[in-house]
Amino acid sequence: MNILVTGAAGYIGSICSEVLLSRGHQVIALDNLQEGHRAAVPPAATFCQSDLAIRSQIDEVFSSHKIDAVMHFAGEALVAKSVREPAHFMRQTLAAG
Protein backbone atom coordinates (compact mmCIF):
# COMPACT_ATOMS: atom_id res chain seq x y z
CA MET A 1 0.00 0.00 0.00
CA ASN A 2 1.00 3.61 -0.56
CA ILE A 3 0.48 5.40 2.74
CA LEU A 4 0.67 9.15 3.30
CA VAL A 5 2.02 9.92 6.77
CA THR A 6 1.48 13.51 7.89
CA GLY A 7 3.82 14.81 10.56
CA ALA A 8 6.40 12.31 9.33
CA ALA A 9 9.35 14.38 10.58
CA GLY A 10 8.05 14.29 14.14
CA TYR A 11 8.64 11.58 16.71
CA ILE A 12 5.47 9.51 16.24
CA GLY A 13 5.21 10.07 12.48
CA SER A 14 8.81 9.06 11.87
CA ILE A 15 8.50 5.88 13.95
CA CYS A 16 5.25 4.97 12.21
CA SER A 17 6.94 5.52 8.84
CA GLU A 18 9.78 3.18 9.81
CA VAL A 19 7.33 0.46 10.85
CA LEU A 20 5.28 0.82 7.66
CA LEU A 21 8.41 0.60 5.50
CA SER A 22 9.62 -2.46 7.40
CA ARG A 23 6.29 -4.14 6.61
CA GLY A 24 6.67 -3.52 2.88
CA HIS A 25 4.51 -0.42 2.44
CA GLN A 26 5.48 2.62 0.43
CA VAL A 27 5.50 5.80 2.55
CA ILE A 28 4.86 9.32 1.35
CA ALA A 29 6.18 11.35 4.28
CA LEU A 30 4.65 14.81 4.59
CA ASP A 31 5.82 17.52 6.98
CA ASN A 32 6.21 21.30 6.90
CA LEU A 33 9.34 21.05 9.09
CA GLN A 34 8.21 23.81 11.47
CA GLU A 35 8.76 21.50 14.42
CA GLY A 36 9.86 18.23 12.82
CA HIS A 37 13.33 17.30 11.64
CA ARG A 38 14.07 16.22 8.07
CA ALA A 39 16.72 13.79 9.37
CA ALA A 40 14.00 11.90 11.28
CA VAL A 41 12.25 10.86 8.05
CA PRO A 42 13.41 7.40 6.97
CA PRO A 43 15.55 7.54 3.80
CA ALA A 44 13.32 4.99 2.03
CA ALA A 45 10.27 7.26 2.34
CA THR A 46 9.30 9.76 -0.34
CA PHE A 47 9.50 13.14 1.42
CA CYS A 48 7.15 16.03 0.62
CA GLN A 49 7.74 19.31 2.42
CA SER A 50 4.18 20.61 2.43
CA ASP A 51 1.87 22.48 4.76
CA LEU A 52 -1.56 21.01 5.47
CA ALA A 53 -2.95 24.55 5.74
CA ILE A 54 -2.08 25.30 2.10
CA ARG A 55 -4.62 23.50 -0.07
CA SER A 56 -2.60 23.80 -3.30
CA GLN A 57 0.36 21.99 -1.70
CA ILE A 58 -1.85 19.14 -0.52
CA ASP A 59 -3.58 18.91 -3.91
CA GLU A 60 -0.11 18.58 -5.49
CA VAL A 61 0.84 15.72 -3.16
CA PHE A 62 -2.37 13.81 -3.95
CA SER A 63 -2.07 14.41 -7.70
CA SER A 64 1.61 13.34 -7.75
CA HIS A 65 1.25 10.15 -5.72
CA LYS A 66 -1.17 7.24 -5.65
CA ILE A 67 -2.31 7.23 -2.02
CA ASP A 68 -4.24 4.30 -0.58
CA ALA A 69 -4.41 5.45 3.05
CA VAL A 70 -3.53 8.41 5.26
CA MET A 71 -2.13 8.32 8.78
CA HIS A 72 -2.39 11.77 10.34
CA PHE A 73 0.16 12.74 12.99
CA ALA A 74 0.69 16.40 12.07
CA GLY A 75 0.09 19.09 14.65
CA GLU A 76 1.81 21.27 17.13
CA ALA A 77 2.67 19.71 20.46
CA LEU A 78 4.72 22.33 22.27
CA VAL A 79 3.16 22.73 25.72
CA ALA A 80 4.73 26.11 26.51
CA LYS A 81 3.49 27.56 23.22
CA SER A 82 -0.01 26.17 23.79
CA VAL A 83 -0.16 27.97 27.15
CA ARG A 84 1.05 31.25 25.59
CA GLU A 85 -1.12 31.01 22.47
CA PRO A 86 -4.21 28.88 23.23
CA ALA A 87 -6.28 30.47 20.43
CA HIS A 88 -3.76 29.26 17.83
CA PHE A 89 -4.10 25.67 19.03
CA MET A 90 -7.89 25.92 19.18
CA ARG A 91 -8.01 27.11 15.53
CA GLN A 92 -5.81 24.20 14.45
CA THR A 93 -7.92 21.67 16.32
CA LEU A 94 -11.17 23.01 14.87
CA ALA A 95 -9.72 23.11 11.34
CA ALA A 96 -8.57 19.48 11.59
CA GLY A 97 -11.93 18.21 12.78
PDB file of N, CA and C in Angstrom:
ATOM      1  N   MET A   1       0.835  -1.187   0.000  1.00  0.00           N
ATOM      2  CA  MET A   1       0.000   0.000   0.000  1.00  0.00           C
ATOM      3  C   MET A   1       0.871   1.238   0.000  1.00  0.00           C
ATOM      4  N   ASN A   2       0.362   2.298  -0.597  1.00  0.00           N
ATOM      5  CA  ASN A   2       1.001   3.611  -0.556  1.00  0.00           C
ATOM      6  C   ASN A   2       0.309   4.417   0.539  1.00  0.00           C
ATOM      7  N   ILE A   3       1.070   4.747   1.583  1.00  0.00           N
ATOM      8  CA  ILE A   3       0.476   5.397   2.741  1.00  0.00           C
ATOM      9  C   ILE A   3       1.096   6.773   2.946  1.00  0.00           C
ATOM     10  N   LEU A   4       0.239   7.783   2.999  1.00  0.00           N
ATOM     11  CA  LEU A   4       0.666   9.148   3.304  1.00  0.00           C
ATOM     12  C   LEU A   4       0.704   9.289   4.819  1.00  0.00           C
ATOM     13  N   VAL A   5       1.858   9.697   5.342  1.00  0.00           N
ATOM     14  CA  VAL A   5       2.017   9.919   6.774  1.00  0.00           C
ATOM     15  C   VAL A   5       2.257  11.401   6.983  1.00  0.00           C
ATOM     16  N   THR A   6       1.280  12.090   7.597  1.00  0.00           N
ATOM     17  CA  THR A   6       1.476  13.512   7.893  1.00  0.00           C
ATOM     18  C   THR A   6       2.201  13.630   9.227  1.00  0.00           C
ATOM     19  N   GLY A   7       3.009  14.669   9.353  1.00  0.00           N
ATOM     20  CA  GLY A   7       3.822  14.810  10.556  1.00  0.00           C
ATOM     21  C   GLY A   7       4.949  13.797  10.594  1.00  0.00           C
ATOM     22  N   ALA A   8       5.412  13.396   9.437  1.00  0.00           N
ATOM     23  CA  ALA A   8       6.398  12.309   9.331  1.00  0.00           C
ATOM     24  C   ALA A   8       7.787  12.685   9.825  1.00  0.00           C
ATOM     25  N   ALA A   9       8.048  13.968  10.050  1.00  0.00           N
ATOM     26  CA  ALA A   9       9.353  14.379  10.581  1.00  0.00           C
ATOM     27  C   ALA A   9       9.308  14.566  12.092  1.00  0.00           C
ATOM     28  N   GLY A  10       8.179  14.256  12.688  1.00  0.00           N
ATOM     29  CA  GLY A  10       8.049  14.289  14.142  1.00  0.00           C
ATOM     30  C   GLY A  10       8.324  12.918  14.731  1.00  0.00           C
ATOM     31  N   TYR A  11       8.279  12.833  16.039  1.00  0.00           N
ATOM     32  CA  TYR A  11       8.636  11.575  16.711  1.00  0.00           C
ATOM     33  C   TYR A  11       7.701  10.430  16.322  1.00  0.00           C
ATOM     34  N   ILE A  12       6.411  10.604  16.509  1.00  0.00           N
ATOM     35  CA  ILE A  12       5.469   9.511  16.240  1.00  0.00           C
ATOM     36  C   ILE A  12       5.379   9.221  14.747  1.00  0.00           C
ATOM     37  N   GLY A  13       5.302  10.264  13.926  1.00  0.00           N
ATOM     38  CA  GLY A  13       5.205  10.067  12.478  1.00  0.00           C
ATOM     39  C   GLY A  13       6.419   9.370  11.892  1.00  0.00           C
ATOM     40  N   SER A  14       7.597   9.695  12.402  1.00  0.00           N
ATOM     41  CA  SER A  14       8.811   9.063  11.870  1.00  0.00           C
ATOM     42  C   SER A  14       8.888   7.589  12.273  1.00  0.00           C
ATOM     43  N   ILE A  15       8.503   7.273  13.502  1.00  0.00           N
ATOM     44  CA  ILE A  15       8.501   5.875  13.953  1.00  0.00           C
ATOM     45  C   ILE A  15       7.473   5.069  13.166  1.00  0.00           C
ATOM     46  N   CYS A  16       6.291   5.643  12.989  1.00  0.00           N
ATOM     47  CA  CYS A  16       5.247   4.967  12.212  1.00  0.00           C
ATOM     48  C   CYS A  16       5.739   4.711  10.786  1.00  0.00           C
ATOM     49  N   SER A  17       6.413   5.689  10.197  1.00  0.00           N
ATOM     50  CA  SER A  17       6.942   5.523   8.840  1.00  0.00           C
ATOM     51  C   SER A  17       7.934   4.379   8.770  1.00  0.00           C
ATOM     52  N   GLU A  18       8.813   4.285   9.769  1.00  0.00           N
ATOM     53  CA  GLU A  18       9.780   3.181   9.811  1.00  0.00           C
ATOM     54  C   GLU A  18       9.076   1.830   9.869  1.00  0.00           C
ATOM     55  N   VAL A  19       8.053   1.730  10.704  1.00  0.00           N
ATOM     56  CA  VAL A  19       7.326   0.464  10.850  1.00  0.00           C
ATOM     57  C   VAL A  19       6.624   0.104   9.542  1.00  0.00           C
ATOM     58  N   LEU A  20       5.972   1.080   8.925  1.00  0.00           N
ATOM     59  CA  LEU A  20       5.280   0.821   7.658  1.00  0.00           C
ATOM     60  C   LEU A  20       6.253   0.346   6.586  1.00  0.00           C
ATOM     61  N   LEU A  21       7.405   0.998   6.487  1.00  0.00           N
ATOM     62  CA  LEU A  21       8.409   0.602   5.498  1.00  0.00           C
ATOM     63  C   LEU A  21       8.911  -0.812   5.777  1.00  0.00           C
ATOM     64  N   SER A  22       9.117  -1.129   7.052  1.00  0.00           N
ATOM     65  CA  SER A  22       9.618  -2.461   7.404  1.00  0.00           C
ATOM     66  C   SER A  22       8.609  -3.558   7.070  1.00  0.00           C
ATOM     67  N   ARG A  23       7.351  -3.169   6.945  1.00  0.00           N
ATOM     68  CA  ARG A  23       6.292  -4.139   6.605  1.00  0.00           C
ATOM     69  C   ARG A  23       5.964  -4.129   5.114  1.00  0.00           C
ATOM     70  N   GLY A  24       6.803  -3.468   4.328  1.00  0.00           N
ATOM     71  CA  GLY A  24       6.670  -3.524   2.880  1.00  0.00           C
ATOM     72  C   GLY A  24       5.793  -2.466   2.239  1.00  0.00           C
ATOM     73  N   HIS A  25       5.336  -1.493   3.009  1.00  0.00           N
ATOM     74  CA  HIS A  25       4.513  -0.425   2.445  1.00  0.00           C
ATOM     75  C   HIS A  25       5.389   0.676   1.862  1.00  0.00           C
ATOM     76  N   GLN A  26       4.835   1.420   0.945  1.00  0.00           N
ATOM     77  CA  GLN A  26       5.476   2.622   0.429  1.00  0.00           C
ATOM     78  C   GLN A  26       4.976   3.782   1.283  1.00  0.00           C
ATOM     79  N   VAL A  27       5.876   4.677   1.691  1.00  0.00           N
ATOM     80  CA  VAL A  27       5.496   5.796   2.546  1.00  0.00           C
ATOM     81  C   VAL A  27       5.761   7.110   1.829  1.00  0.00           C
ATOM     82  N   ILE A  28       4.724   7.940   1.788  1.00  0.00           N
ATOM     83  CA  ILE A  28       4.861   9.325   1.352  1.00  0.00           C
ATOM     84  C   ILE A  28       4.849  10.123   2.641  1.00  0.00           C
ATOM     85  N   ALA A  29       5.992  10.673   2.997  1.00  0.00           N
ATOM     86  CA  ALA A  29       6.181  11.352   4.281  1.00  0.00           C
ATOM     87  C   ALA A  29       5.986  12.852   4.086  1.00  0.00           C
ATOM     88  N   LEU A  30       4.972  13.396   4.744  1.00  0.00           N
ATOM     89  CA  LEU A  30       4.652  14.811   4.589  1.00  0.00           C
ATOM     90  C   LEU A  30       4.910  15.544   5.896  1.00  0.00           C
ATOM     91  N   ASP A  31       5.584  16.682   5.811  1.00  0.00           N
ATOM     92  CA  ASP A  31       5.820  17.523   6.981  1.00  0.00           C
ATOM     93  C   ASP A  31       6.193  18.918   6.499  1.00  0.00           C
ATOM     94  N   ASN A  32       5.813  19.934   7.261  1.00  0.00           N
ATOM     95  CA  ASN A  32       6.209  21.302   6.896  1.00  0.00           C
ATOM     96  C   ASN A  32       7.522  21.708   7.551  1.00  0.00           C
ATOM     97  N   LEU A  33       8.060  20.871   8.405  1.00  0.00           N
ATOM     98  CA  LEU A  33       9.344  21.050   9.091  1.00  0.00           C
ATOM     99  C   LEU A  33       9.377  22.247  10.037  1.00  0.00           C
ATOM    100  N   GLN A  34       8.205  22.743  10.462  1.00  0.00           N
ATOM    101  CA  GLN A  34       8.206  23.815  11.467  1.00  0.00           C
ATOM    102  C   GLN A  34       8.689  23.298  12.818  1.00  0.00           C
ATOM    103  N   GLU A  35       8.314  22.084  13.159  1.00  0.00           N
ATOM    104  CA  GLU A  35       8.763  21.496  14.419  1.00  0.00           C
ATOM    105  C   GLU A  35       9.475  20.165  14.221  1.00  0.00           C
ATOM    106  N   GLY A  36       9.234  19.518  13.100  1.00  0.00           N
ATOM    107  CA  GLY A  36       9.862  18.234  12.817  1.00  0.00           C
ATOM    108  C   GLY A  36      11.285  18.405  12.300  1.00  0.00           C
ATOM    109  N   HIS A  37      11.945  17.296  12.105  1.00  0.00           N
ATOM    110  CA  HIS A  37      13.333  17.302  11.644  1.00  0.00           C
ATOM    111  C   HIS A  37      13.451  16.416  10.411  1.00  0.00           C
ATOM    112  N   ARG A  38      13.945  16.958   9.336  1.00  0.00           N
ATOM    113  CA  ARG A  38      14.075  16.218   8.074  1.00  0.00           C
ATOM    114  C   ARG A  38      14.863  14.932   8.274  1.00  0.00           C
ATOM    115  N   ALA A  39      15.880  14.971   9.131  1.00  0.00           N
ATOM    116  CA  ALA A  39      16.716  13.793   9.365  1.00  0.00           C
ATOM    117  C   ALA A  39      15.943  12.654  10.022  1.00  0.00           C
ATOM    118  N   ALA A  40      14.798  12.941  10.629  1.00  0.00           N
ATOM    119  CA  ALA A  40      13.998  11.897  11.280  1.00  0.00           C
ATOM    120  C   ALA A  40      13.199  11.071  10.276  1.00  0.00           C
ATOM    121  N   VAL A  41      13.024  11.579   9.076  1.00  0.00           N
ATOM    122  CA  VAL A  41      12.253  10.865   8.053  1.00  0.00           C
ATOM    123  C   VAL A  41      13.121   9.732   7.495  1.00  0.00           C
ATOM    124  N   PRO A  42      12.607   8.512   7.490  1.00  0.00           N
ATOM    125  CA  PRO A  42      13.407   7.396   6.968  1.00  0.00           C
ATOM    126  C   PRO A  42      13.815   7.636   5.509  1.00  0.00           C
ATOM    127  N   PRO A  43      15.055   7.308   5.168  1.00  0.00           N
ATOM    128  CA  PRO A  43      15.546   7.543   3.798  1.00  0.00           C
ATOM    129  C   PRO A  43      14.718   6.847   2.717  1.00  0.00           C
ATOM    130  N   ALA A  44      14.093   5.733   3.032  1.00  0.00           N
ATOM    131  CA  ALA A  44      13.320   4.991   2.030  1.00  0.00           C
ATOM    132  C   ALA A  44      11.963   5.620   1.742  1.00  0.00           C
ATOM    133  N   ALA A  45      11.555   6.582   2.557  1.00  0.00           N
ATOM    134  CA  ALA A  45      10.274   7.260   2.341  1.00  0.00           C
ATOM    135  C   ALA A  45      10.422   8.347   1.288  1.00  0.00           C
ATOM    136  N   THR A  46       9.345   8.626   0.587  1.00  0.00           N
ATOM    137  CA  THR A  46       9.300   9.762  -0.336  1.00  0.00           C
ATOM    138  C   THR A  46       8.890  10.976   0.476  1.00  0.00           C
ATOM    139  N   PHE A  47       9.773  11.976   0.565  1.00  0.00           N
ATOM    140  CA  PHE A  47       9.496  13.137   1.415  1.00  0.00           C
ATOM    141  C   PHE A  47       8.866  14.272   0.626  1.00  0.00           C
ATOM    142  N   CYS A  48       7.810  14.852   1.194  1.00  0.00           N
ATOM    143  CA  CYS A  48       7.145  16.030   0.620  1.00  0.00           C
ATOM    144  C   CYS A  48       7.094  17.106   1.697  1.00  0.00           C
ATOM    145  N   GLN A  49       7.831  18.195   1.480  1.00  0.00           N
ATOM    146  CA  GLN A  49       7.741  19.306   2.424  1.00  0.00           C
ATOM    147  C   GLN A  49       6.532  20.137   2.012  1.00  0.00           C
ATOM    148  N   SER A  50       5.453  19.965   2.743  1.00  0.00           N
ATOM    149  CA  SER A  50       4.180  20.606   2.428  1.00  0.00           C
ATOM    150  C   SER A  50       3.487  20.993   3.713  1.00  0.00           C
ATOM    151  N   ASP A  51       2.623  21.994   3.613  1.00  0.00           N
ATOM    152  CA  ASP A  51       1.874  22.482   4.763  1.00  0.00           C
ATOM    153  C   ASP A  51       0.410  22.114   4.585  1.00  0.00           C
ATOM    154  N   LEU A  52      -0.161  21.424   5.554  1.00  0.00           N
ATOM    155  CA  LEU A  52      -1.561  21.011   5.465  1.00  0.00           C
ATOM    156  C   LEU A  52      -2.515  22.196   5.365  1.00  0.00           C
ATOM    157  N   ALA A  53      -2.091  23.368   5.789  1.00  0.00           N
ATOM    158  CA  ALA A  53      -2.954  24.547   5.743  1.00  0.00           C
ATOM    159  C   ALA A  53      -2.983  25.194   4.356  1.00  0.00           C
ATOM    160  N   ILE A  54      -2.139  24.724   3.454  1.00  0.00           N
ATOM    161  CA  ILE A  54      -2.083  25.297   2.102  1.00  0.00           C
ATOM    162  C   ILE A  54      -2.631  24.270   1.126  1.00  0.00           C
ATOM    163  N   ARG A  55      -3.873  24.471   0.740  1.00  0.00           N
ATOM    164  CA  ARG A  55      -4.622  23.495  -0.069  1.00  0.00           C
ATOM    165  C   ARG A  55      -3.883  23.122  -1.356  1.00  0.00           C
ATOM    166  N   SER A  56      -3.281  24.099  -2.027  1.00  0.00           N
ATOM    167  CA  SER A  56      -2.604  23.799  -3.296  1.00  0.00           C
ATOM    168  C   SER A  56      -1.438  22.831  -3.101  1.00  0.00           C
ATOM    169  N   GLN A  57      -0.747  22.916  -1.975  1.00  0.00           N
ATOM    170  CA  GLN A  57       0.356  21.994  -1.704  1.00  0.00           C
ATOM    171  C   GLN A  57      -0.165  20.576  -1.476  1.00  0.00           C
ATOM    172  N   ILE A  58      -1.275  20.457  -0.784  1.00  0.00           N
ATOM    173  CA  ILE A  58      -1.845  19.135  -0.525  1.00  0.00           C
ATOM    174  C   ILE A  58      -2.418  18.540  -1.803  1.00  0.00           C
ATOM    175  N   ASP A  59      -3.069  19.373  -2.614  1.00  0.00           N
ATOM    176  CA  ASP A  59      -3.580  18.911  -3.910  1.00  0.00           C
ATOM    177  C   ASP A  59      -2.438  18.363  -4.764  1.00  0.00           C
ATOM    178  N   GLU A  60      -1.282  19.019  -4.721  1.00  0.00           N
ATOM    179  CA  GLU A  60      -0.114  18.579  -5.490  1.00  0.00           C
ATOM    180  C   GLU A  60       0.381  17.210  -5.015  1.00  0.00           C
ATOM    181  N   VAL A  61       0.408  17.008  -3.709  1.00  0.00           N
ATOM    182  CA  VAL A  61       0.836  15.715  -3.163  1.00  0.00           C
ATOM    183  C   VAL A  61      -0.101  14.610  -3.643  1.00  0.00           C
ATOM    184  N   PHE A  62      -1.410  14.839  -3.554  1.00  0.00           N
ATOM    185  CA  PHE A  62      -2.371  13.812  -3.953  1.00  0.00           C
ATOM    186  C   PHE A  62      -2.381  13.583  -5.462  1.00  0.00           C
ATOM    187  N   SER A  63      -2.089  14.614  -6.253  1.00  0.00           N
ATOM    188  CA  SER A  63      -2.066  14.413  -7.702  1.00  0.00           C
ATOM    189  C   SER A  63      -0.756  13.781  -8.178  1.00  0.00           C
ATOM    190  N   SER A  64       0.296  13.882  -7.372  1.00  0.00           N
ATOM    191  CA  SER A  64       1.607  13.341  -7.755  1.00  0.00           C
ATOM    192  C   SER A  64       1.840  11.909  -7.276  1.00  0.00           C
ATOM    193  N   HIS A  65       1.036  11.457  -6.317  1.00  0.00           N
ATOM    194  CA  HIS A  65       1.253  10.147  -5.716  1.00  0.00           C
ATOM    195  C   HIS A  65      -0.067   9.389  -5.619  1.00  0.00           C
ATOM    196  N   LYS A  66      -0.003   8.095  -5.884  1.00  0.00           N
ATOM    197  CA  LYS A  66      -1.171   7.243  -5.648  1.00  0.00           C
ATOM    198  C   LYS A  66      -1.187   6.949  -4.153  1.00  0.00           C
ATOM    199  N   ILE A  67      -2.230   7.392  -3.475  1.00  0.00           N
ATOM    200  CA  ILE A  67      -2.307   7.233  -2.021  1.00  0.00           C
ATOM    201  C   ILE A  67      -3.497   6.343  -1.687  1.00  0.00           C
ATOM    202  N   ASP A  68      -3.202   5.251  -0.976  1.00  0.00           N
ATOM    203  CA  ASP A  68      -4.241   4.304  -0.583  1.00  0.00           C
ATOM    204  C   ASP A  68      -4.796   4.582   0.813  1.00  0.00           C
ATOM    205  N   ALA A  69      -3.988   5.182   1.671  1.00  0.00           N
ATOM    206  CA  ALA A  69      -4.407   5.448   3.046  1.00  0.00           C
ATOM    207  C   ALA A  69      -3.626   6.637   3.584  1.00  0.00           C
ATOM    208  N   VAL A  70      -4.181   7.270   4.607  1.00  0.00           N
ATOM    209  CA  VAL A  70      -3.530   8.406   5.264  1.00  0.00           C
ATOM    210  C   VAL A  70      -3.470   8.128   6.755  1.00  0.00           C
ATOM    211  N   MET A  71      -2.296   8.369   7.325  1.00  0.00           N
ATOM    212  CA  MET A  71      -2.131   8.316   8.784  1.00  0.00           C
ATOM    213  C   MET A  71      -1.719   9.722   9.204  1.00  0.00           C
ATOM    214  N   HIS A  72      -2.545  10.351  10.034  1.00  0.00           N
ATOM    215  CA  HIS A  72      -2.392  11.775  10.344  1.00  0.00           C
ATOM    216  C   HIS A  72      -1.785  11.976  11.733  1.00  0.00           C
ATOM    217  N   PHE A  73      -0.533  12.455  11.735  1.00  0.00           N
ATOM    218  CA  PHE A  73       0.161  12.745  12.986  1.00  0.00           C
ATOM    219  C   PHE A  73       0.649  14.191  13.049  1.00  0.00           C
ATOM    220  N   ALA A  74       0.233  15.018  12.110  1.00  0.00           N
ATOM    221  CA  ALA A  74       0.692  16.405  12.068  1.00  0.00           C
ATOM    222  C   ALA A  74      -0.028  17.229  13.129  1.00  0.00           C
ATOM    223  N   GLY A  75       0.676  18.172  13.679  1.00  0.00           N
ATOM    224  CA  GLY A  75       0.093  19.087  14.653  1.00  0.00           C
ATOM    225  C   GLY A  75       1.180  19.628  15.547  1.00  0.00           C
ATOM    226  N   GLU A  76       0.856  20.690  16.198  1.00  0.00           N
ATOM    227  CA  GLU A  76       1.814  21.272  17.129  1.00  0.00           C
ATOM    228  C   GLU A  76       1.632  20.623  18.493  1.00  0.00           C
ATOM    229  N   ALA A  77       2.737  20.397  19.171  1.00  0.00           N
ATOM    230  CA  ALA A  77       2.673  19.714  20.459  1.00  0.00           C
ATOM    231  C   ALA A  77       3.555  20.378  21.513  1.00  0.00           C
ATOM    232  N   LEU A  78       3.861  21.642  21.318  1.00  0.00           N
ATOM    233  CA  LEU A  78       4.722  22.332  22.272  1.00  0.00           C
ATOM    234  C   LEU A  78       3.873  22.906  23.401  1.00  0.00           C
ATOM    235  N   VAL A  79       4.013  22.359  24.590  1.00  0.00           N
ATOM    236  CA  VAL A  79       3.165  22.732  25.716  1.00  0.00           C
ATOM    237  C   VAL A  79       3.313  24.216  26.057  1.00  0.00           C
ATOM    238  N   ALA A  80       4.525  24.700  26.144  1.00  0.00           N
ATOM    239  CA  ALA A  80       4.733  26.106  26.512  1.00  0.00           C
ATOM    240  C   ALA A  80       4.046  27.047  25.514  1.00  0.00           C
ATOM    241  N   LYS A  81       4.141  26.731  24.238  1.00  0.00           N
ATOM    242  CA  LYS A  81       3.494  27.560  23.224  1.00  0.00           C
ATOM    243  C   LYS A  81       1.976  27.485  23.353  1.00  0.00           C
ATOM    244  N   SER A  82       1.450  26.306  23.664  1.00  0.00           N
ATOM    245  CA  SER A  82      -0.007  26.174  23.794  1.00  0.00           C
ATOM    246  C   SER A  82      -0.542  26.990  24.963  1.00  0.00           C
ATOM    247  N   VAL A  83       0.259  27.158  26.007  1.00  0.00           N
ATOM    248  CA  VAL A  83      -0.156  27.975  27.148  1.00  0.00           C
ATOM    249  C   VAL A  83      -0.105  29.456  26.772  1.00  0.00           C
ATOM    250  N   ARG A  84       0.925  29.852  26.015  1.00  0.00           N
ATOM    251  CA  ARG A  84       1.055  31.251  25.590  1.00  0.00           C
ATOM    252  C   ARG A  84       0.033  31.639  24.531  1.00  0.00           C
ATOM    253  N   GLU A  85      -0.274  30.702  23.622  1.00  0.00           N
ATOM    254  CA  GLU A  85      -1.125  31.006  22.473  1.00  0.00           C
ATOM    255  C   GLU A  85      -2.262  29.990  22.334  1.00  0.00           C
ATOM    256  N   PRO A  86      -3.159  29.908  23.299  1.00  0.00           N
ATOM    257  CA  PRO A  86      -4.212  28.880  23.227  1.00  0.00           C
ATOM    258  C   PRO A  86      -5.141  29.041  22.021  1.00  0.00           C
ATOM    259  N   ALA A  87      -5.384  30.263  21.584  1.00  0.00           N
ATOM    260  CA  ALA A  87      -6.281  30.470  20.431  1.00  0.00           C
ATOM    261  C   ALA A  87      -5.716  29.831  19.168  1.00  0.00           C
ATOM    262  N   HIS A  88      -4.411  29.878  18.997  1.00  0.00           N
ATOM    263  CA  HIS A  88      -3.765  29.263  17.831  1.00  0.00           C
ATOM    264  C   HIS A  88      -4.040  27.757  17.810  1.00  0.00           C
ATOM    265  N   PHE A  89      -3.886  27.111  18.948  1.00  0.00           N
ATOM    266  CA  PHE A  89      -4.100  25.665  19.034  1.00  0.00           C
ATOM    267  C   PHE A  89      -5.574  25.312  18.855  1.00  0.00           C
ATOM    268  N   MET A  90      -6.460  26.153  19.349  1.00  0.00           N
ATOM    269  CA  MET A  90      -7.891  25.917  19.177  1.00  0.00           C
ATOM    270  C   MET A  90      -8.269  26.004  17.700  1.00  0.00           C
ATOM    271  N   ARG A  91      -7.727  26.993  16.977  1.00  0.00           N
ATOM    272  CA  ARG A  91      -8.008  27.110  15.534  1.00  0.00           C
ATOM    273  C   ARG A  91      -7.530  25.873  14.788  1.00  0.00           C
ATOM    274  N   GLN A  92      -6.334  25.385  15.117  1.00  0.00           N
ATOM    275  CA  GLN A  92      -5.807  24.200  14.452  1.00  0.00           C
ATOM    276  C   GLN A  92      -6.672  22.976  14.725  1.00  0.00           C
ATOM    277  N   THR A  93      -7.104  22.825  15.957  1.00  0.00           N
ATOM    278  CA  THR A  93      -7.925  21.672  16.323  1.00  0.00           C
ATOM    279  C   THR A  93      -9.267  21.715  15.596  1.00  0.00           C
ATOM    280  N   LEU A  94      -9.880  22.883  15.553  1.00  0.00           N
ATOM    281  CA  LEU A  94     -11.173  23.006  14.866  1.00  0.00           C
ATOM    282  C   LEU A  94     -11.039  22.791  13.361  1.00  0.00           C
ATOM    283  N   ALA A  95      -9.933  23.277  12.780  1.00  0.00           N
ATOM    284  CA  ALA A  95      -9.718  23.111  11.335  1.00  0.00           C
ATOM    285  C   ALA A  95      -9.492  21.639  10.982  1.00  0.00           C
ATOM    286  N   ALA A  96      -8.859  20.890  11.862  1.00  0.00           N
ATOM    287  CA  ALA A  96      -8.567  19.482  11.588  1.00  0.00           C
ATOM    288  C   ALA A  96      -9.808  18.612  11.721  1.00  0.00           C
ATOM    289  N   GLY A  97     -10.749  19.036  12.521  1.00  0.00           N
ATOM    290  CA  GLY A  97     -11.927  18.211  12.782  1.00  0.00           C
ATOM    291  C   GLY A  97     -12.923  18.350  11.709  1.00  0.00           C
TER     292      GLY A  97
END
